Amino acid sequence: MDEGKVVQAMQALFAAQKASKDAERQRERELAAVKVAAADIELLAAELEYKDRKAAERALRLAGGDLRKALEDYLAGSGVAA
């Protein structure tokens, strides 16, 4: 086995993992910047099958803070917060 190819493959793997983590962190920063109303979070948590308030808040952030879109996403089957 060519050691140089192994080293290159490992470096490529590490670079891909770092890029993926960086993209995930950036997405989380974007979601954290989305303004959500406390009343909307409470409505989602109380009326839908979210396990907790944080899951409802995440669903609302994923919907861009739009309660209607969050409800539509839930009803369409994508309501489980990732």
PDB file of N, CA and C in Angstrom:
ATOM      1  N   MET A   1       0.843  -1.172   0.000  1.00  0.00           N
ATOM      2  CA  MET A   1       0.000   0.000   0.000  1.00  0.00           C
ATOM      3  C   MET A   1       0.894   1.243   0.000  1.00  0.00           C
ATOM      4  N   ASP A   2       0.550   2.213  -0.800  1.00  0.00           N
ATOM      5  CA  ASP A   2       1.328   3.444  -0.920  1.00  0.00           C
ATOM      6  C   ASP A   2       1.015   4.368   0.254  1.00  0.00           C
ATOM      7  N   GLU A   3       2.007   4.598   1.100  1.00  0.00           N
ATOM      8  CA  GLU A   3       1.824   5.421   2.295  1.00  0.00           C
ATOM      9  C   GLU A   3       1.412   6.847   1.930  1.00  0.00           C
ATOM     10  N   GLY A   4       1.949   7.380   0.854  1.00  0.00           N
ATOM     11  CA  GLY A   4       1.603   8.733   0.415  1.00  0.00           C
ATOM     12  C   GLY A   4       0.128   8.863   0.086  1.00  0.00           C
ATOM     13  N   LYS A   5      -0.425   7.844  -0.555  1.00  0.00           N
ATOM     14  CA  LYS A   5      -1.849   7.878  -0.897  1.00  0.00           C
ATOM     15  C   LYS A   5      -2.721   7.795   0.354  1.00  0.00           C
ATOM     16  N   VAL A   6      -2.263   7.017   1.318  1.00  0.00           N
ATOM     17  CA  VAL A   6      -2.998   6.901   2.577  1.00  0.00           C
ATOM     18  C   VAL A   6      -3.006   8.250   3.287  1.00  0.00           C
ATOM     19  N   VAL A   7      -1.849   8.884   3.330  1.00  0.00           N
ATOM     20  CA  VAL A   7      -1.746  10.198   3.982  1.00  0.00           C
ATOM     21  C   VAL A   7      -2.644  11.204   3.272  1.00  0.00           C
ATOM     22  N   GLN A   8      -2.624  11.213   1.943  1.00  0.00           N
ATOM     23  CA  GLN A   8      -3.478  12.131   1.182  1.00  0.00           C
ATOM     24  C   GLN A   8      -4.951  11.861   1.438  1.00  0.00           C
ATOM     25  N   ALA A   9      -5.315  10.582   1.470  1.00  0.00           N
ATOM     26  CA  ALA A   9      -6.712  10.220   1.722  1.00  0.00           C
ATOM     27  C   ALA A   9      -7.141  10.672   3.114  1.00  0.00           C
ATOM     28  N   MET A  10      -6.291  10.497   4.106  1.00  0.00           N
ATOM     29  CA  MET A  10      -6.611  10.923   5.476  1.00  0.00           C
ATOM     30  C   MET A  10      -6.731  12.444   5.555  1.00  0.00           C
ATOM     31  N   GLN A  11      -5.835  13.154   4.874  1.00  0.00           N
ATOM     32  CA  GLN A  11      -5.909  14.618   4.873  1.00  0.00           C
ATOM     33  C   GLN A  11      -7.197  15.086   4.211  1.00  0.00           C
ATOM     34  N   ALA A  12      -7.574  14.440   3.119  1.00  0.00           N
ATOM     35  CA  ALA A  12      -8.813  14.798   2.437  1.00  0.00           C
ATOM     36  C   ALA A  12     -10.012  14.525   3.330  1.00  0.00           C
ATOM     37  N   LEU A  13      -9.987  13.425   4.044  1.00  0.00           N
ATOM     38  CA  LEU A  13     -11.072  13.081   4.959  1.00  0.00           C
ATOM     39  C   LEU A  13     -11.181  14.114   6.074  1.00  0.00           C
ATOM     40  N   PHE A  14     -10.065  14.469   6.679  1.00  0.00           N
ATOM     41  CA  PHE A  14     -10.067  15.468   7.748  1.00  0.00           C
ATOM     42  C   PHE A  14     -10.552  16.828   7.234  1.00  0.00           C
ATOM     43  N   ALA A  15     -10.132  17.198   6.039  1.00  0.00           N
ATOM     44  CA  ALA A  15     -10.563  18.469   5.455  1.00  0.00           C
ATOM     45  C   ALA A  15     -12.063  18.462   5.208  1.00  0.00           C
ATOM     46  N   ALA A  16     -12.588  17.355   4.731  1.00  0.00           N
ATOM     47  CA  ALA A  16     -14.028  17.252   4.484  1.00  0.00           C
ATOM     48  C   ALA A  16     -14.808  17.316   5.786  1.00  0.00           C
ATOM     49  N   GLN A  17     -14.303  16.656   6.823  1.00  0.00           N
ATOM     50  CA  GLN A  17     -14.965  16.707   8.124  1.00  0.00           C
ATOM     51  C   GLN A  17     -14.960  18.121   8.688  1.00  0.00           C
ATOM     52  N   LYS A  18     -13.841  18.804   8.553  1.00  0.00           N
ATOM     53  CA  LYS A  18     -13.744  20.181   9.053  1.00  0.00           C
ATOM     54  C   LYS A  18     -14.711  21.084   8.300  1.00  0.00           C
ATOM     55  N   ALA A  19     -14.786  20.940   6.985  1.00  0.00           N
ATOM     56  CA  ALA A  19     -15.696  21.749   6.189  1.00  0.00           C
ATOM     57  C   ALA A  19     -17.142  21.485   6.588  1.00  0.00           C
ATOM     58  N   SER A  20     -17.458  20.246   6.844  1.00  0.00           N
ATOM     59  CA  SER A  20     -18.808  19.884   7.254  1.00  0.00           C
ATOM     60  C   SER A  20     -19.147  20.504   8.613  1.00  0.00           C
ATOM     61  N   LYS A  21     -18.221  20.419   9.556  1.00  0.00           N
ATOM     62  CA  LYS A  21     -18.449  21.012  10.877  1.00  0.00           C
ATOM     63  C   LYS A  21     -18.547  22.527  10.790  1.00  0.00           C
ATOM     64  N   ASP A  22     -17.716  23.140   9.962  1.00  0.00           N
ATOM     65  CA  ASP A  22     -17.773  24.591   9.780  1.00  0.00           C
ATOM     66  C   ASP A  22     -19.119  25.010   9.199  1.00  0.00           C
ATOM     67  N   ALA A  23     -19.607  24.262   8.224  1.00  0.00           N
ATOM     68  CA  ALA A  23     -20.908  24.561   7.614  1.00  0.00           C
ATOM     69  C   ALA A  23     -22.027  24.389   8.633  1.00  0.00           C
ATOM     70  N   GLU A  24     -21.928  23.358   9.455  1.00  0.00           N
ATOM     71  CA  GLU A  24     -22.937  23.129  10.487  1.00  0.00           C
ATOM     72  C   GLU A  24     -22.946  24.263  11.509  1.00  0.00           C
ATOM     73  N   ARG A  25     -21.759  24.702  11.929  1.00  0.00           N
ATOM     74  CA  ARG A  25     -21.674  25.829  12.875  1.00  0.00           C
ATOM     75  C   ARG A  25     -22.265  27.098  12.267  1.00  0.00           C
ATOM     76  N   GLN A  26     -21.972  27.343  10.987  1.00  0.00           N
ATOM     77  CA  GLN A  26     -22.510  28.522  10.314  1.00  0.00           C
ATOM     78  C   GLN A  26     -24.034  28.450  10.261  1.00  0.00           C
ATOM     79  N   ARG A  27     -24.581  27.279   9.947  1.00  0.00           N
ATOM     80  CA  ARG A  27     -26.039  27.106   9.894  1.00  0.00           C
ATOM     81  C   ARG A  27     -26.663  27.351  11.259  1.00  0.00           C
ATOM     82  N   GLU A  28     -26.008  26.868  12.314  1.00  0.00           N
ATOM     83  CA  GLU A  28     -26.525  27.084  13.664  1.00  0.00           C
ATOM     84  C   GLU A  28     -26.498  28.567  14.033  1.00  0.00           C
ATOM     85  N   ARG A  29     -25.463  29.286  13.597  1.00  0.00           N
ATOM     86  CA  ARG A  29     -25.415  30.741  13.847  1.00  0.00           C
ATOM     87  C   ARG A  29     -26.555  31.436  13.117  1.00  0.00           C
ATOM     88  N   GLU A  30     -26.816  31.012  11.878  1.00  0.00           N
ATOM     89  CA  GLU A  30     -27.916  31.598  11.109  1.00  0.00           C
ATOM     90  C   GLU A  30     -29.253  31.330  11.789  1.00  0.00           C
ATOM     91  N   LEU A  31     -29.451  30.114  12.249  1.00  0.00           N
ATOM     92  CA  LEU A  31     -30.709  29.781  12.926  1.00  0.00           C
ATOM     93  C   LEU A  31     -30.852  30.554  14.227  1.00  0.00           C
ATOM     94  N   ALA A  32     -29.754  30.732  14.950  1.00  0.00           N
ATOM     95  CA  ALA A  32     -29.806  31.468  16.209  1.00  0.00           C
ATOM     96  C   ALA A  32     -30.191  32.928  15.984  1.00  0.00           C
ATOM     97  N   ALA A  33     -29.909  33.455  14.806  1.00  0.00           N
ATOM     98  CA  ALA A  33     -30.220  34.852  14.502  1.00  0.00           C
ATOM     99  C   ALA A  33     -31.687  35.054  14.111  1.00  0.00           C
ATOM    100  N   VAL A  34     -32.400  33.971  13.844  1.00  0.00           N
ATOM    101  CA  VAL A  34     -33.810  34.082  13.453  1.00  0.00           C
ATOM    102  C   VAL A  34     -34.628  34.492  14.673  1.00  0.00           C
ATOM    103  N   LYS A  35     -35.396  35.549  14.517  1.00  0.00           N
ATOM    104  CA  LYS A  35     -36.239  36.027  15.608  1.00  0.00           C
ATOM    105  C   LYS A  35     -37.514  35.190  15.659  1.00  0.00           C
ATOM    106  N   VAL A  36     -37.842  34.728  16.867  1.00  0.00           N
ATOM    107  CA  VAL A  36     -39.050  33.946  17.063  1.00  0.00           C
ATOM    108  C   VAL A  36     -39.822  34.513  18.247  1.00  0.00           C
ATOM    109  N   ALA A  37     -41.126  34.448  18.153  1.00  0.00           N
ATOM    110  CA  ALA A  37     -41.976  34.958  19.228  1.00  0.00           C
ATOM    111  C   ALA A  37     -42.196  33.858  20.265  1.00  0.00           C
ATOM    112  N   ALA A  38     -42.108  34.230  21.522  1.00  0.00           N
ATOM    113  CA  ALA A  38     -42.305  33.268  22.611  1.00  0.00           C
ATOM    114  C   ALA A  38     -43.688  32.637  22.532  1.00  0.00           C
ATOM    115  N   ALA A  39     -44.676  33.422  22.150  1.00  0.00           N
ATOM    116  CA  ALA A  39     -46.040  32.892  22.046  1.00  0.00           C
ATOM    117  C   ALA A  39     -46.135  31.823  20.960  1.00  0.00           C
ATOM    118  N   ASP A  40     -45.396  32.016  19.876  1.00  0.00           N
ATOM    119  CA  ASP A  40     -45.392  31.023  18.794  1.00  0.00           C
ATOM    120  C   ASP A  40     -44.738  29.723  19.259  1.00  0.00           C
ATOM    121  N   ILE A  41     -43.666  29.846  20.016  1.00  0.00           N
ATOM    122  CA  ILE A  41     -42.991  28.656  20.553  1.00  0.00           C
ATOM    123  C   ILE A  41     -43.940  27.895  21.468  1.00  0.00           C
ATOM    124  N   GLU A  42     -44.591  28.621  22.348  1.00  0.00           N
ATOM    125  CA  GLU A  42     -45.518  27.991  23.291  1.00  0.00           C
ATOM    126  C   GLU A  42     -46.663  27.303  22.566  1.00  0.00           C
ATOM    127  N   LEU A  43     -47.176  27.938  21.515  1.00  0.00           N
ATOM    128  CA  LEU A  43     -48.273  27.345  20.748  1.00  0.00           C
ATOM    129  C   LEU A  43     -47.832  26.033  20.114  1.00  0.00           C
ATOM    130  N   LEU A  44     -46.676  26.042  19.476  1.00  0.00           N
ATOM    131  CA  LEU A  44     -46.172  24.817  18.852  1.00  0.00           C
ATOM    132  C   LEU A  44     -45.930  23.731  19.892  1.00  0.00           C
ATOM    133  N   ALA A  45     -45.328  24.089  20.994  1.00  0.00           N
ATOM    134  CA  ALA A  45     -45.014  23.103  22.028  1.00  0.00           C
ATOM    135  C   ALA A  45     -46.275  22.518  22.649  1.00  0.00           C
ATOM    136  N   ALA A  46     -47.265  23.351  22.849  1.00  0.00           N
ATOM    137  CA  ALA A  46     -48.488  22.897  23.511  1.00  0.00           C
ATOM    138  C   ALA A  46     -49.417  22.118  22.586  1.00  0.00           C
ATOM    139  N   GLU A  47     -49.528  22.550  21.354  1.00  0.00           N
ATOM    140  CA  GLU A  47     -50.536  21.985  20.467  1.00  0.00           C
ATOM    141  C   GLU A  47     -50.044  20.862  19.573  1.00  0.00           C
ATOM    142  N   LEU A  48     -48.747  20.799  19.331  1.00  0.00           N
ATOM    143  CA  LEU A  48     -48.215  19.773  18.447  1.00  0.00           C
ATOM    144  C   LEU A  48     -47.412  18.762  19.248  1.00  0.00           C
ATOM    145  N   GLU A  49     -46.988  17.728  18.611  1.00  0.00           N
ATOM    146  CA  GLU A  49     -46.332  16.624  19.310  1.00  0.00           C
ATOM    147  C   GLU A  49     -44.831  16.818  19.489  1.00  0.00           C
ATOM    148  N   TYR A  50     -44.411  18.031  19.771  1.00  0.00           N
ATOM    149  CA  TYR A  50     -42.995  18.257  20.051  1.00  0.00           C
ATOM    150  C   TYR A  50     -42.713  17.810  21.466  1.00  0.00           C
ATOM    151  N   LYS A  51     -41.556  17.184  21.653  1.00  0.00           N
ATOM    152  CA  LYS A  51     -41.237  16.628  22.963  1.00  0.00           C
ATOM    153  C   LYS A  51     -40.935  17.694  24.001  1.00  0.00           C
ATOM    154  N   ASP A  52     -40.506  18.870  23.545  1.00  0.00           N
ATOM    155  CA  ASP A  52     -40.219  19.947  24.480  1.00  0.00           C
ATOM    156  C   ASP A  52     -40.227  21.295  23.767  1.00  0.00           C
ATOM    157  N   ARG A  53     -40.067  22.337  24.555  1.00  0.00           N
ATOM    158  CA  ARG A  53     -40.088  23.708  24.035  1.00  0.00           C
ATOM    159  C   ARG A  53     -38.933  23.959  23.066  1.00  0.00           C
ATOM    160  N   LYS A  54     -37.764  23.360  23.338  1.00  0.00           N
ATOM    161  CA  LYS A  54     -36.605  23.561  22.463  1.00  0.00           C
ATOM    162  C   LYS A  54     -36.859  23.001  21.066  1.00  0.00           C
ATOM    163  N   ALA A  55     -37.518  21.864  20.982  1.00  0.00           N
ATOM    164  CA  ALA A  55     -37.832  21.271  19.676  1.00  0.00           C
ATOM    165  C   ALA A  55     -38.802  22.172  18.913  1.00  0.00           C
ATOM    166  N   ALA A  56     -39.770  22.732  19.615  1.00  0.00           N
ATOM    167  CA  ALA A  56     -40.710  23.647  18.983  1.00  0.00           C
ATOM    168  C   ALA A  56     -39.999  24.908  18.516  1.00  0.00           C
ATOM    169  N   GLU A  57     -39.091  25.425  19.329  1.00  0.00           N
ATOM    170  CA  GLU A  57     -38.332  26.617  18.957  1.00  0.00           C
ATOM    171  C   GLU A  57     -37.467  26.355  17.724  1.00  0.00           C
ATOM    172  N   ARG A  58     -36.823  25.187  17.681  1.00  0.00           N
ATOM    173  CA  ARG A  58     -35.983  24.845  16.530  1.00  0.00           C
ATOM    174  C   ARG A  58     -36.822  24.745  15.264  1.00  0.00           C
ATOM    175  N   ALA A  59     -37.988  24.128  15.362  1.00  0.00           N
ATOM    176  CA  ALA A  59     -38.867  24.010  14.198  1.00  0.00           C
ATOM    177  C   ALA A  59     -39.260  25.399  13.700  1.00  0.00           C
ATOM    178  N   LEU A  60     -39.525  26.295  14.614  1.00  0.00           N
ATOM    179  CA  LEU A  60     -39.888  27.657  14.246  1.00  0.00           C
ATOM    180  C   LEU A  60     -38.709  28.388  13.608  1.00  0.00           C
ATOM    181  N   ARG A  61     -37.522  28.198  14.135  1.00  0.00           N
ATOM    182  CA  ARG A  61     -36.328  28.816  13.541  1.00  0.00           C
ATOM    183  C   ARG A  61     -36.071  28.259  12.146  1.00  0.00           C
ATOM    184  N   LEU A  62     -36.236  26.943  11.979  1.00  0.00           N
ATOM    185  CA  LEU A  62     -36.050  26.324  10.661  1.00  0.00           C
ATOM    186  C   LEU A  62     -37.041  26.874   9.643  1.00  0.00           C
ATOM    187  N   ALA A  63     -38.189  27.327  10.134  1.00  0.00           N
ATOM    188  CA  ALA A  63     -39.212  27.905   9.269  1.00  0.00           C
ATOM    189  C   ALA A  63     -39.007  29.414   9.113  1.00  0.00           C
ATOM    190  N   GLY A  64     -37.883  29.920   9.552  1.00  0.00           N
ATOM    191  CA  GLY A  64     -37.586  31.339   9.404  1.00  0.00           C
ATOM    192  C   GLY A  64     -38.385  32.231  10.335  1.00  0.00           C
ATOM    193  N   GLY A  65     -38.901  31.650  11.427  1.00  0.00           N
ATOM    194  CA  GLY A  65     -39.692  32.424  12.376  1.00  0.00           C
ATOM    195  C   GLY A  65     -41.149  32.547  11.984  1.00  0.00           C
ATOM    196  N   ASP A  66     -41.527  31.907  10.906  1.00  0.00           N
ATOM    197  CA  ASP A  66     -42.883  31.982  10.362  1.00  0.00           C
ATOM    198  C   ASP A  66     -43.736  30.853  10.949  1.00  0.00           C
ATOM    199  N   LEU A  67     -44.664  31.214  11.832  1.00  0.00           N
ATOM    200  CA  LEU A  67     -45.504  30.222  12.494  1.00  0.00           C
ATOM    201  C   LEU A  67     -46.302  29.402  11.486  1.00  0.00           C
ATOM    202  N   ARG A  68     -46.866  30.061  10.504  1.00  0.00           N
ATOM    203  CA  ARG A  68     -47.662  29.344   9.505  1.00  0.00           C
ATOM    204  C   ARG A  68     -46.810  28.292   8.779  1.00  0.00           C
ATOM    205  N   LYS A  69     -45.604  28.682   8.382  1.00  0.00           N
ATOM    206  CA  LYS A  69     -44.719  27.737   7.684  1.00  0.00           C
ATOM    207  C   LYS A  69     -44.336  26.595   8.612  1.00  0.00           C
ATOM    208  N   ALA A  70     -44.074  26.881   9.873  1.00  0.00           N
ATOM    209  CA  ALA A  70     -43.725  25.828  10.838  1.00  0.00           C
ATOM    210  C   ALA A  70     -44.878  24.836  10.969  1.00  0.00           C
ATOM    211  N   LEU A  71     -46.098  25.347  11.011  1.00  0.00           N
ATOM    212  CA  LEU A  71     -47.271  24.473  11.084  1.00  0.00           C
ATOM    213  C   LEU A  71     -47.426  23.650   9.809  1.00  0.00           C
ATOM    214  N   GLU A  72     -47.237  24.288   8.663  1.00  0.00           N
ATOM    215  CA  GLU A  72     -47.328  23.579   7.385  1.00  0.00           C
ATOM    216  C   GLU A  72     -46.268  22.490   7.284  1.00  0.00           C
ATOM    217  N   ASP A  73     -45.041  22.812   7.722  1.00  0.00           N
ATOM    218  CA  ASP A  73     -43.958  21.822   7.701  1.00  0.00           C
ATOM    219  C   ASP A  73     -44.312  20.636   8.595  1.00  0.00           C
ATOM    220  N   TYR A  74     -44.866  20.924   9.760  1.00  0.00           N
ATOM    221  CA  TYR A  74     -45.258  19.868  10.675  1.00  0.00           C
ATOM    222  C   TYR A  74     -46.321  18.974  10.044  1.00  0.00           C
ATOM    223  N   LEU A  75     -47.308  19.589   9.465  1.00  0.00           N
ATOM    224  CA  LEU A  75     -48.408  18.833   8.855  1.00  0.00           C
ATOM    225  C   LEU A  75     -47.939  18.061   7.624  1.00  0.00           C
ATOM    226  N   ALA A  76     -46.911  18.556   6.963  1.00  0.00           N
ATOM    227  CA  ALA A  76     -46.385  17.876   5.786  1.00  0.00           C
ATOM    228  C   ALA A  76     -45.475  16.711   6.177  1.00  0.00           C
ATOM    229  N   GLY A  77     -45.231  16.549   7.455  1.00  0.00           N
ATOM    230  CA  GLY A  77     -44.419  15.433   7.911  1.00  0.00           C
ATOM    231  C   GLY A  77     -42.971  15.762   8.173  1.00  0.00           C
ATOM    232  N   SER A  78     -42.591  17.011   7.944  1.00  0.00           N
ATOM    233  CA  SER A  78     -41.203  17.390   8.229  1.00  0.00           C
ATOM    234  C   SER A  78     -41.112  18.178   9.512  1.00  0.00           C
ATOM    235  N   GLY A  79     -42.106  18.060  10.372  1.00  0.00           N
ATOM    236  CA  GLY A  79     -42.163  18.831  11.602  1.00  0.00           C
ATOM    237  C   GLY A  79     -41.215  18.375  12.687  1.00  0.00           C
ATOM    238  N   VAL A  80     -40.594  17.233  12.538  1.00  0.00           N
ATOM    239  CA  VAL A  80     -39.666  16.774  13.557  1.00  0.00           C
ATOM    240  C   VAL A  80     -38.388  17.584  13.426  1.00  0.00           C
ATOM    241  N   ALA A  81     -38.058  18.316  14.486  1.00  0.00           N
ATOM    242  CA  ALA A  81     -36.856  19.160  14.443  1.00  0.00           C
ATOM    243  C   ALA A  81     -35.617  18.302  14.367  1.00  0.00           C
ATOM    244  N   ALA A  82     -34.735  18.679  13.505  1.00  0.00           N
ATOM    245  CA  ALA A  82     -33.488  17.932  13.321  1.00  0.00           C
ATOM    246  C   ALA A  82     -32.406  18.436  14.215  1.00  0.00           C
TER     247      ALA A  82
END
